[in-house]
Amino acid sequence: MAAYAVGRIKITDLEKFKEYQKGVPATIAKHGGRYVVRGGETTTREGDEETNRIVILEFDTMEALTGWYDSDDYAELKAMRMSASEGQMVFVEGYET
């Protein structure tokens, strides 16, 4: 079953975050993931105004997603992201009909 990483990110160091953005796509692809949403324009229709950058990644399975997140490939980039931003990362399984 597909699994998704949903990130809500407030960038605090734009230059460092740009470096992160250059390196991360290859690690995602290496682990079988793909971008579904990558920081596009948002419109809040209910609740508090969303001002964070939204990113959604899709992987074939939760194991593939956690494998990417915990991988040596992503470790340095993850530390870079964490030092250049603050926010939330949620993993969620997809819905199977």
PDB file of N, CA and C in Angstrom:
ATOM      1  N   MET A   1       0.841  -1.174   0.000  1.00  0.00           N
ATOM      2  CA  MET A   1       0.000   0.000   0.000  1.00  0.00           C
ATOM      3  C   MET A   1       0.887   1.238   0.000  1.00  0.00           C
ATOM      4  N   ALA A   2       0.515   2.241  -0.780  1.00  0.00           N
ATOM      5  CA  ALA A   2       1.296   3.473  -0.865  1.00  0.00           C
ATOM      6  C   ALA A   2       1.378   4.150   0.503  1.00  0.00           C
ATOM      7  N   ALA A   3       2.437   4.905   0.689  1.00  0.00           N
ATOM      8  CA  ALA A   3       2.635   5.678   1.912  1.00  0.00           C
ATOM      9  C   ALA A   3       3.123   7.067   1.517  1.00  0.00           C
ATOM     10  N   TYR A   4       2.751   8.038   2.336  1.00  0.00           N
ATOM     11  CA  TYR A   4       3.029   9.430   2.024  1.00  0.00           C
ATOM     12  C   TYR A   4       3.743  10.117   3.176  1.00  0.00           C
ATOM     13  N   ALA A   5       4.671  10.984   2.833  1.00  0.00           N
ATOM     14  CA  ALA A   5       5.289  11.895   3.791  1.00  0.00           C
ATOM     15  C   ALA A   5       4.688  13.259   3.502  1.00  0.00           C
ATOM     16  N   VAL A   6       4.102  13.871   4.514  1.00  0.00           N
ATOM     17  CA  VAL A   6       3.506  15.196   4.380  1.00  0.00           C
ATOM     18  C   VAL A   6       4.311  16.144   5.251  1.00  0.00           C
ATOM     19  N   GLY A   7       4.941  17.105   4.621  1.00  0.00           N
ATOM     20  CA  GLY A   7       5.743  18.071   5.349  1.00  0.00           C
ATOM     21  C   GLY A   7       5.126  19.452   5.297  1.00  0.00           C
ATOM     22  N   ARG A   8       5.106  20.115   6.438  1.00  0.00           N
ATOM     23  CA  ARG A   8       4.710  21.521   6.551  1.00  0.00           C
ATOM     24  C   ARG A   8       5.949  22.248   7.059  1.00  0.00           C
ATOM     25  N   ILE A   9       6.530  23.079   6.217  1.00  0.00           N
ATOM     26  CA  ILE A   9       7.871  23.585   6.481  1.00  0.00           C
ATOM     27  C   ILE A   9       7.906  25.111   6.450  1.00  0.00           C
ATOM     28  N   LYS A  10       8.457  25.693   7.503  1.00  0.00           N
ATOM     29  CA  LYS A  10       8.731  27.131   7.560  1.00  0.00           C
ATOM     30  C   LYS A  10      10.238  27.293   7.377  1.00  0.00           C
ATOM     31  N   ILE A  11      10.638  27.888   6.287  1.00  0.00           N
ATOM     32  CA  ILE A  11      12.061  28.056   5.988  1.00  0.00           C
ATOM     33  C   ILE A  11      12.622  29.197   6.822  1.00  0.00           C
ATOM     34  N   THR A  12      13.737  28.912   7.512  1.00  0.00           N
ATOM     35  CA  THR A  12      14.379  29.918   8.353  1.00  0.00           C
ATOM     36  C   THR A  12      15.726  30.370   7.801  1.00  0.00           C
ATOM     37  N   ASP A  13      16.309  29.593   6.893  1.00  0.00           N
ATOM     38  CA  ASP A  13      17.577  29.938   6.235  1.00  0.00           C
ATOM     39  C   ASP A  13      17.443  29.547   4.768  1.00  0.00           C
ATOM     40  N   LEU A  14      17.041  30.507   3.939  1.00  0.00           N
ATOM     41  CA  LEU A  14      16.717  30.224   2.540  1.00  0.00           C
ATOM     42  C   LEU A  14      17.907  29.679   1.761  1.00  0.00           C
ATOM     43  N   GLU A  15      19.082  30.237   1.944  1.00  0.00           N
ATOM     44  CA  GLU A  15      20.249  29.775   1.179  1.00  0.00           C
ATOM     45  C   GLU A  15      20.594  28.324   1.511  1.00  0.00           C
ATOM     46  N   LYS A  16      20.583  27.981   2.762  1.00  0.00           N
ATOM     47  CA  LYS A  16      20.872  26.604   3.168  1.00  0.00           C
ATOM     48  C   LYS A  16      19.766  25.671   2.663  1.00  0.00           C
ATOM     49  N   PHE A  17      18.518  26.130   2.722  1.00  0.00           N
ATOM     50  CA  PHE A  17      17.408  25.310   2.249  1.00  0.00           C
ATOM     51  C   PHE A  17      17.510  25.063   0.751  1.00  0.00           C
ATOM     52  N   LYS A  18      17.991  26.035  -0.013  1.00  0.00           N
ATOM     53  CA  LYS A  18      18.194  25.846  -1.454  1.00  0.00           C
ATOM     54  C   LYS A  18      19.215  24.740  -1.717  1.00  0.00           C
ATOM     55  N   GLU A  19      20.245  24.674  -0.898  1.00  0.00           N
ATOM     56  CA  GLU A  19      21.237  23.590  -1.039  1.00  0.00           C
ATOM     57  C   GLU A  19      20.578  22.237  -0.766  1.00  0.00           C
ATOM     58  N   TYR A  20      19.746  22.185   0.259  1.00  0.00           N
ATOM     59  CA  TYR A  20      18.993  20.966   0.563  1.00  0.00           C
ATOM     60  C   TYR A  20      18.150  20.561  -0.646  1.00  0.00           C
ATOM     61  N   GLN A  21      17.455  21.515  -1.233  1.00  0.00           N
ATOM     62  CA  GLN A  21      16.583  21.230  -2.372  1.00  0.00           C
ATOM     63  C   GLN A  21      17.336  20.648  -3.558  1.00  0.00           C
ATOM     64  N   LYS A  22      18.583  21.032  -3.727  1.00  0.00           N
ATOM     65  CA  LYS A  22      19.384  20.508  -4.838  1.00  0.00           C
ATOM     66  C   LYS A  22      19.702  19.027  -4.650  1.00  0.00           C
ATOM     67  N   GLY A  23      19.943  18.609  -3.417  1.00  0.00           N
ATOM     68  CA  GLY A  23      20.396  17.254  -3.168  1.00  0.00           C
ATOM     69  C   GLY A  23      19.328  16.222  -2.909  1.00  0.00           C
ATOM     70  N   VAL A  24      18.183  16.655  -2.387  1.00  0.00           N
ATOM     71  CA  VAL A  24      17.196  15.690  -1.900  1.00  0.00           C
ATOM     72  C   VAL A  24      16.473  14.894  -2.995  1.00  0.00           C
ATOM     73  N   PRO A  25      16.165  15.446  -4.175  1.00  0.00           N
ATOM     74  CA  PRO A  25      15.404  14.655  -5.152  1.00  0.00           C
ATOM     75  C   PRO A  25      16.063  13.324  -5.526  1.00  0.00           C
ATOM     76  N   ALA A  26      17.368  13.303  -5.650  1.00  0.00           N
ATOM     77  CA  ALA A  26      18.059  12.055  -6.017  1.00  0.00           C
ATOM     78  C   ALA A  26      17.895  10.995  -4.930  1.00  0.00           C
ATOM     79  N   THR A  27      17.874  11.405  -3.663  1.00  0.00           N
ATOM     80  CA  THR A  27      17.712  10.416  -2.589  1.00  0.00           C
ATOM     81  C   THR A  27      16.301   9.855  -2.583  1.00  0.00           C
ATOM     82  N   ILE A  28      15.329  10.707  -2.852  1.00  0.00           N
ATOM     83  CA  ILE A  28      13.931  10.261  -2.912  1.00  0.00           C
ATOM     84  C   ILE A  28      13.764   9.249  -4.038  1.00  0.00           C
ATOM     85  N   ALA A  29      14.260   9.594  -5.226  1.00  0.00           N
ATOM     86  CA  ALA A  29      14.144   8.702  -6.385  1.00  0.00           C
ATOM     87  C   ALA A  29      14.873   7.381  -6.150  1.00  0.00           C
ATOM     88  N   LYS A  30      16.041   7.442  -5.524  1.00  0.00           N
ATOM     89  CA  LYS A  30      16.812   6.229  -5.258  1.00  0.00           C
ATOM     90  C   LYS A  30      16.026   5.229  -4.418  1.00  0.00           C
ATOM     91  N   HIS A  31      15.159   5.733  -3.558  1.00  0.00           N
ATOM     92  CA  HIS A  31      14.373   4.868  -2.677  1.00  0.00           C
ATOM     93  C   HIS A  31      12.954   4.631  -3.204  1.00  0.00           C
ATOM     94  N   GLY A  32      12.746   4.960  -4.482  1.00  0.00           N
ATOM     95  CA  GLY A  32      11.475   4.662  -5.131  1.00  0.00           C
ATOM     96  C   GLY A  32      10.374   5.668  -4.877  1.00  0.00           C
ATOM     97  N   GLY A  33      10.723   6.840  -4.361  1.00  0.00           N
ATOM     98  CA  GLY A  33       9.704   7.846  -4.060  1.00  0.00           C
ATOM     99  C   GLY A  33       9.565   8.863  -5.168  1.00  0.00           C
ATOM    100  N   ARG A  34       8.525   9.665  -5.055  1.00  0.00           N
ATOM    101  CA  ARG A  34       8.303  10.745  -6.014  1.00  0.00           C
ATOM    102  C   ARG A  34       7.573  11.882  -5.316  1.00  0.00           C
ATOM    103  N   TYR A  35       7.771  13.077  -5.844  1.00  0.00           N
ATOM    104  CA  TYR A  35       7.036  14.233  -5.345  1.00  0.00           C
ATOM    105  C   TYR A  35       5.608  14.196  -5.869  1.00  0.00           C
ATOM    106  N   VAL A  36       4.645  14.456  -5.004  1.00  0.00           N
ATOM    107  CA  VAL A  36       3.256  14.666  -5.391  1.00  0.00           C
ATOM    108  C   VAL A  36       2.979  16.172  -5.341  1.00  0.00           C
ATOM    109  N   VAL A  37       3.479  16.819  -4.296  1.00  0.00           N
ATOM    110  CA  VAL A  37       3.384  18.269  -4.119  1.00  0.00           C
ATOM    111  C   VAL A  37       4.758  18.746  -3.685  1.00  0.00           C
ATOM    112  N   ARG A  38       5.192  19.863  -4.279  1.00  0.00           N
ATOM    113  CA  ARG A  38       6.496  20.403  -3.892  1.00  0.00           C
ATOM    114  C   ARG A  38       6.435  21.926  -3.788  1.00  0.00           C
ATOM    115  N   GLY A  39       5.749  22.379  -2.743  1.00  0.00           N
ATOM    116  CA  GLY A  39       5.766  23.804  -2.435  1.00  0.00           C
ATOM    117  C   GLY A  39       4.975  24.692  -3.375  1.00  0.00           C
ATOM    118  N   GLY A  40       3.936  24.194  -3.990  1.00  0.00           N
ATOM    119  CA  GLY A  40       3.120  25.017  -4.876  1.00  0.00           C
ATOM    120  C   GLY A  40       2.276  26.028  -4.115  1.00  0.00           C
ATOM    121  N   GLU A  41       1.570  26.840  -4.868  1.00  0.00           N
ATOM    122  CA  GLU A  41       0.682  27.844  -4.283  1.00  0.00           C
ATOM    123  C   GLU A  41      -0.421  27.164  -3.475  1.00  0.00           C
ATOM    124  N   THR A  42      -0.763  27.738  -2.338  1.00  0.00           N
ATOM    125  CA  THR A  42      -1.808  27.177  -1.488  1.00  0.00           C
ATOM    126  C   THR A  42      -2.942  28.175  -1.309  1.00  0.00           C
ATOM    127  N   THR A  43      -4.113  27.656  -1.071  1.00  0.00           N
ATOM    128  CA  THR A  43      -5.290  28.448  -0.729  1.00  0.00           C
ATOM    129  C   THR A  43      -5.951  27.762   0.455  1.00  0.00           C
ATOM    130  N   THR A  44      -6.058  28.458   1.559  1.00  0.00           N
ATOM    131  CA  THR A  44      -6.703  27.897   2.748  1.00  0.00           C
ATOM    132  C   THR A  44      -8.203  28.115   2.634  1.00  0.00           C
ATOM    133  N   ARG A  45      -8.954  27.032   2.681  1.00  0.00           N
ATOM    134  CA  ARG A  45     -10.407  27.115   2.564  1.00  0.00           C
ATOM    135  C   ARG A  45     -11.112  26.966   3.909  1.00  0.00           C
ATOM    136  N   GLU A  46     -10.448  26.339   4.861  1.00  0.00           N
ATOM    137  CA  GLU A  46     -11.008  26.171   6.203  1.00  0.00           C
ATOM    138  C   GLU A  46      -9.879  26.267   7.209  1.00  0.00           C
ATOM    139  N   GLY A  47     -10.181  26.726   8.390  1.00  0.00           N
ATOM    140  CA  GLY A  47      -9.193  26.791   9.458  1.00  0.00           C
ATOM    141  C   GLY A  47      -8.252  27.967   9.325  1.00  0.00           C
ATOM    142  N   ASP A  48      -7.193  27.936  10.132  1.00  0.00           N
ATOM    143  CA  ASP A  48      -6.201  29.007  10.134  1.00  0.00           C
ATOM    144  C   ASP A  48      -5.462  29.040   8.806  1.00  0.00           C
ATOM    145  N   GLU A  49      -5.064  30.224   8.397  1.00  0.00           N
ATOM    146  CA  GLU A  49      -4.333  30.405   7.145  1.00  0.00           C
ATOM    147  C   GLU A  49      -3.041  29.583   7.161  1.00  0.00           C
ATOM    148  N   GLU A  50      -2.831  28.784   6.113  1.00  0.00           N
ATOM    149  CA  GLU A  50      -1.607  27.985   6.000  1.00  0.00           C
ATOM    150  C   GLU A  50      -0.528  28.847   5.374  1.00  0.00           C
ATOM    151  N   THR A  51       0.566  29.033   6.080  1.00  0.00           N
ATOM    152  CA  THR A  51       1.666  29.856   5.571  1.00  0.00           C
ATOM    153  C   THR A  51       2.933  29.040   5.350  1.00  0.00           C
ATOM    154  N   ASN A  52       2.916  27.785   5.722  1.00  0.00           N
ATOM    155  CA  ASN A  52       4.092  26.932   5.558  1.00  0.00           C
ATOM    156  C   ASN A  52       4.166  26.365   4.144  1.00  0.00           C
ATOM    157  N   ARG A  53       5.354  25.984   3.764  1.00  0.00           N
ATOM    158  CA  ARG A  53       5.570  25.275   2.501  1.00  0.00           C
ATOM    159  C   ARG A  53       5.038  23.855   2.700  1.00  0.00           C
ATOM    160  N   ILE A  54       4.287  23.350   1.742  1.00  0.00           N
ATOM    161  CA  ILE A  54       3.733  22.002   1.818  1.00  0.00           C
ATOM    162  C   ILE A  54       4.462  21.110   0.823  1.00  0.00           C
ATOM    163  N   VAL A  55       4.897  19.956   1.302  1.00  0.00           N
ATOM    164  CA  VAL A  55       5.544  18.954   0.457  1.00  0.00           C
ATOM    165  C   VAL A  55       4.883  17.611   0.747  1.00  0.00           C
ATOM    166  N   ILE A  56       4.535  16.884  -0.318  1.00  0.00           N
ATOM    167  CA  ILE A  56       3.983  15.538  -0.161  1.00  0.00           C
ATOM    168  C   ILE A  56       4.789  14.610  -1.054  1.00  0.00           C
ATOM    169  N   LEU A  57       5.320  13.554  -0.440  1.00  0.00           N
ATOM    170  CA  LEU A  57       6.068  12.525  -1.153  1.00  0.00           C
ATOM    171  C   LEU A  57       5.270  11.234  -1.138  1.00  0.00           C
ATOM    172  N   GLU A  58       5.376  10.463  -2.201  1.00  0.00           N
ATOM    173  CA  GLU A  58       4.703   9.161  -2.266  1.00  0.00           C
ATOM    174  C   GLU A  58       5.739   8.067  -2.468  1.00  0.00           C
ATOM    175  N   PHE A  59       5.602   7.007  -1.699  1.00  0.00           N
ATOM    176  CA  PHE A  59       6.427   5.806  -1.828  1.00  0.00           C
ATOM    177  C   PHE A  59       5.492   4.616  -1.962  1.00  0.00           C
ATOM    178  N   ASP A  60       5.985   3.528  -2.514  1.00  0.00           N
ATOM    179  CA  ASP A  60       5.146   2.341  -2.718  1.00  0.00           C
ATOM    180  C   ASP A  60       4.652   1.732  -1.413  1.00  0.00           C
ATOM    181  N   THR A  61       5.481   1.820  -0.371  1.00  0.00           N
ATOM    182  CA  THR A  61       5.139   1.216   0.916  1.00  0.00           C
ATOM    183  C   THR A  61       5.671   2.088   2.051  1.00  0.00           C
ATOM    184  N   MET A  62       5.147   1.862   3.243  1.00  0.00           N
ATOM    185  CA  MET A  62       5.657   2.551   4.425  1.00  0.00           C
ATOM    186  C   MET A  62       7.109   2.145   4.678  1.00  0.00           C
ATOM    187  N   GLU A  63       7.447   0.908   4.387  1.00  0.00           N
ATOM    188  CA  GLU A  63       8.829   0.446   4.573  1.00  0.00           C
ATOM    189  C   GLU A  63       9.783   1.221   3.670  1.00  0.00           C
ATOM    190  N   ALA A  64       9.370   1.479   2.417  1.00  0.00           N
ATOM    191  CA  ALA A  64      10.216   2.249   1.504  1.00  0.00           C
ATOM    192  C   ALA A  64      10.361   3.688   1.995  1.00  0.00           C
ATOM    193  N   LEU A  65       9.271   4.263   2.483  1.00  0.00           N
ATOM    194  CA  LEU A  65       9.307   5.631   3.003  1.00  0.00           C
ATOM    195  C   LEU A  65      10.225   5.736   4.208  1.00  0.00           C
ATOM    196  N   THR A  66      10.047   4.867   5.185  1.00  0.00           N
ATOM    197  CA  THR A  66      10.898   4.931   6.372  1.00  0.00           C
ATOM    198  C   THR A  66      12.342   4.560   6.024  1.00  0.00           C
ATOM    199  N   GLY A  67      12.499   3.681   5.034  1.00  0.00           N
ATOM    200  CA  GLY A  67      13.850   3.348   4.578  1.00  0.00           C
ATOM    201  C   GLY A  67      14.573   4.566   4.029  1.00  0.00           C
ATOM    202  N   TRP A  68      13.869   5.377   3.246  1.00  0.00           N
ATOM    203  CA  TRP A  68      14.456   6.618   2.726  1.00  0.00           C
ATOM    204  C   TRP A  68      14.774   7.579   3.884  1.00  0.00           C
ATOM    205  N   TYR A  69      13.794   7.821   4.750  1.00  0.00           N
ATOM    206  CA  TYR A  69      13.941   8.800   5.813  1.00  0.00           C
ATOM    207  C   TYR A  69      15.096   8.459   6.757  1.00  0.00           C
ATOM    208  N   ASP A  70      15.285   7.176   7.026  1.00  0.00           N
ATOM    209  CA  ASP A  70      16.325   6.727   7.948  1.00  0.00           C
ATOM    210  C   ASP A  70      17.641   6.375   7.258  1.00  0.00           C
ATOM    211  N   SER A  71      17.718   6.572   5.944  1.00  0.00           N
ATOM    212  CA  SER A  71      18.886   6.124   5.176  1.00  0.00           C
ATOM    213  C   SER A  71      20.108   7.008   5.375  1.00  0.00           C
ATOM    214  N   ASP A  72      21.264   6.431   5.118  1.00  0.00           N
ATOM    215  CA  ASP A  72      22.501   7.194   5.090  1.00  0.00           C
ATOM    216  C   ASP A  72      22.461   8.220   3.956  1.00  0.00           C
ATOM    217  N   ASP A  73      21.757   7.887   2.864  1.00  0.00           N
ATOM    218  CA  ASP A  73      21.634   8.800   1.726  1.00  0.00           C
ATOM    219  C   ASP A  73      21.005  10.128   2.143  1.00  0.00           C
ATOM    220  N   TYR A  74      20.051  10.072   3.045  1.00  0.00           N
ATOM    221  CA  TYR A  74      19.292  11.262   3.428  1.00  0.00           C
ATOM    222  C   TYR A  74      19.779  11.912   4.721  1.00  0.00           C
ATOM    223  N   ALA A  75      20.587  11.242   5.488  1.00  0.00           N
ATOM    224  CA  ALA A  75      20.956  11.716   6.828  1.00  0.00           C
ATOM    225  C   ALA A  75      21.547  13.124   6.835  1.00  0.00           C
ATOM    226  N   GLU A  76      22.528  13.391   6.007  1.00  0.00           N
ATOM    227  CA  GLU A  76      23.162  14.706   5.994  1.00  0.00           C
ATOM    228  C   GLU A  76      22.185  15.780   5.502  1.00  0.00           C
ATOM    229  N   LEU A  77      21.411  15.441   4.476  1.00  0.00           N
ATOM    230  CA  LEU A  77      20.429  16.385   3.962  1.00  0.00           C
ATOM    231  C   LEU A  77      19.323  16.664   4.979  1.00  0.00           C
ATOM    232  N   LYS A  78      18.903  15.622   5.693  1.00  0.00           N
ATOM    233  CA  LYS A  78      17.879  15.808   6.733  1.00  0.00           C
ATOM    234  C   LYS A  78      18.390  16.779   7.801  1.00  0.00           C
ATOM    235  N   ALA A  79      19.627  16.623   8.212  1.00  0.00           N
ATOM    236  CA  ALA A  79      20.213  17.541   9.196  1.00  0.00           C
ATOM    237  C   ALA A  79      20.258  18.965   8.636  1.00  0.00           C
ATOM    238  N   MET A  80      20.577  19.092   7.349  1.00  0.00           N
ATOM    239  CA  MET A  80      20.604  20.404   6.711  1.00  0.00           C
ATOM    240  C   MET A  80      19.205  21.028   6.718  1.00  0.00           C
ATOM    241  N   ARG A  81      18.185  20.223   6.359  1.00  0.00           N
ATOM    242  CA  ARG A  81      16.808  20.726   6.356  1.00  0.00           C
ATOM    243  C   ARG A  81      16.408  21.170   7.748  1.00  0.00           C
ATOM    244  N   MET A  82      16.730  20.368   8.733  1.00  0.00           N
ATOM    245  CA  MET A  82      16.334  20.689  10.102  1.00  0.00           C
ATOM    246  C   MET A  82      17.015  21.951  10.614  1.00  0.00           C
ATOM    247  N   SER A  83      18.208  22.240  10.127  1.00  0.00           N
ATOM    248  CA  SER A  83      18.897  23.457  10.563  1.00  0.00           C
ATOM    249  C   SER A  83      18.471  24.686   9.757  1.00  0.00           C
ATOM    250  N   ALA A  84      17.793  24.466   8.633  1.00  0.00           N
ATOM    251  CA  ALA A  84      17.373  25.570   7.769  1.00  0.00           C
ATOM    252  C   ALA A  84      15.873  25.822   7.809  1.00  0.00           C
ATOM    253  N   SER A  85      15.165  25.035   8.623  1.00  0.00           N
ATOM    254  CA  SER A  85      13.704  25.173   8.666  1.00  0.00           C
ATOM    255  C   SER A  85      13.166  24.600   9.968  1.00  0.00           C
ATOM    256  N   GLU A  86      11.889  24.840  10.176  1.00  0.00           N
ATOM    257  CA  GLU A  86      11.178  24.192  11.276  1.00  0.00           C
ATOM    258  C   GLU A  86       9.824  23.779  10.729  1.00  0.00           C
ATOM    259  N   GLY A  87       9.221  22.816  11.340  1.00  0.00           N
ATOM    260  CA  GLY A  87       7.929  22.389  10.838  1.00  0.00           C
ATOM    261  C   GLY A  87       7.538  21.020  11.329  1.00  0.00           C
ATOM    262  N   GLN A  88       6.809  20.329  10.476  1.00  0.00           N
ATOM    263  CA  GLN A  88       6.212  19.047  10.837  1.00  0.00           C
ATOM    264  C   GLN A  88       6.361  18.089   9.665  1.00  0.00           C
ATOM    265  N   MET A  89       6.646  16.817   9.954  1.00  0.00           N
ATOM    266  CA  MET A  89       6.707  15.763   8.944  1.00  0.00           C
ATOM    267  C   MET A  89       5.848  14.616   9.466  1.00  0.00           C
ATOM    268  N   VAL A  90       4.853  14.243   8.693  1.00  0.00           N
ATOM    269  CA  VAL A  90       3.919  13.187   9.081  1.00  0.00           C
ATOM    270  C   VAL A  90       3.948  12.102   8.021  1.00  0.00           C
ATOM    271  N   PHE A  91       4.014  10.851   8.448  1.00  0.00           N
ATOM    272  CA  PHE A  91       3.913   9.707   7.532  1.00  0.00           C
ATOM    273  C   PHE A  91       2.511   9.141   7.645  1.00  0.00           C
ATOM    274  N   VAL A  92       1.901   8.848   6.511  1.00  0.00           N
ATOM    275  CA  VAL A  92       0.534   8.311   6.517  1.00  0.00           C
ATOM    276  C   VAL A  92       0.397   7.271   5.409  1.00  0.00           C
ATOM    277  N   GLU A  93      -0.277   6.167   5.740  1.00  0.00           N
ATOM    278  CA  GLU A  93      -0.547   5.150   4.731  1.00  0.00           C
ATOM    279  C   GLU A  93      -1.662   5.624   3.830  1.00  0.00           C
ATOM    280  N   GLY A  94      -1.581   5.221   2.562  1.00  0.00           N
ATOM    281  CA  GLY A  94      -2.622   5.548   1.606  1.00  0.00           C
ATOM    282  C   GLY A  94      -3.882   4.744   1.860  1.00  0.00           C
ATOM    283  N   TYR A  95      -4.897   5.067   1.122  1.00  0.00           N
ATOM    284  CA  TYR A  95      -6.194   4.408   1.248  1.00  0.00           C
ATOM    285  C   TYR A  95      -6.341   3.411   0.115  1.00  0.00           C
ATOM    286  N   GLU A  96      -6.644   2.205   0.475  1.00  0.00           N
ATOM    287  CA  GLU A  96      -6.820   1.158  -0.524  1.00  0.00           C
ATOM    288  C   GLU A  96      -8.312   0.855  -0.662  1.00  0.00           C
ATOM    289  N   THR A  97      -8.801   0.927  -1.898  1.00  0.00           N
ATOM    290  CA  THR A  97     -10.230   0.679  -2.113  1.00  0.00           C
ATOM    291  C   THR A  97     -10.508  -0.780  -2.354  1.00  0.00           C
TER     292      THR A  97
END
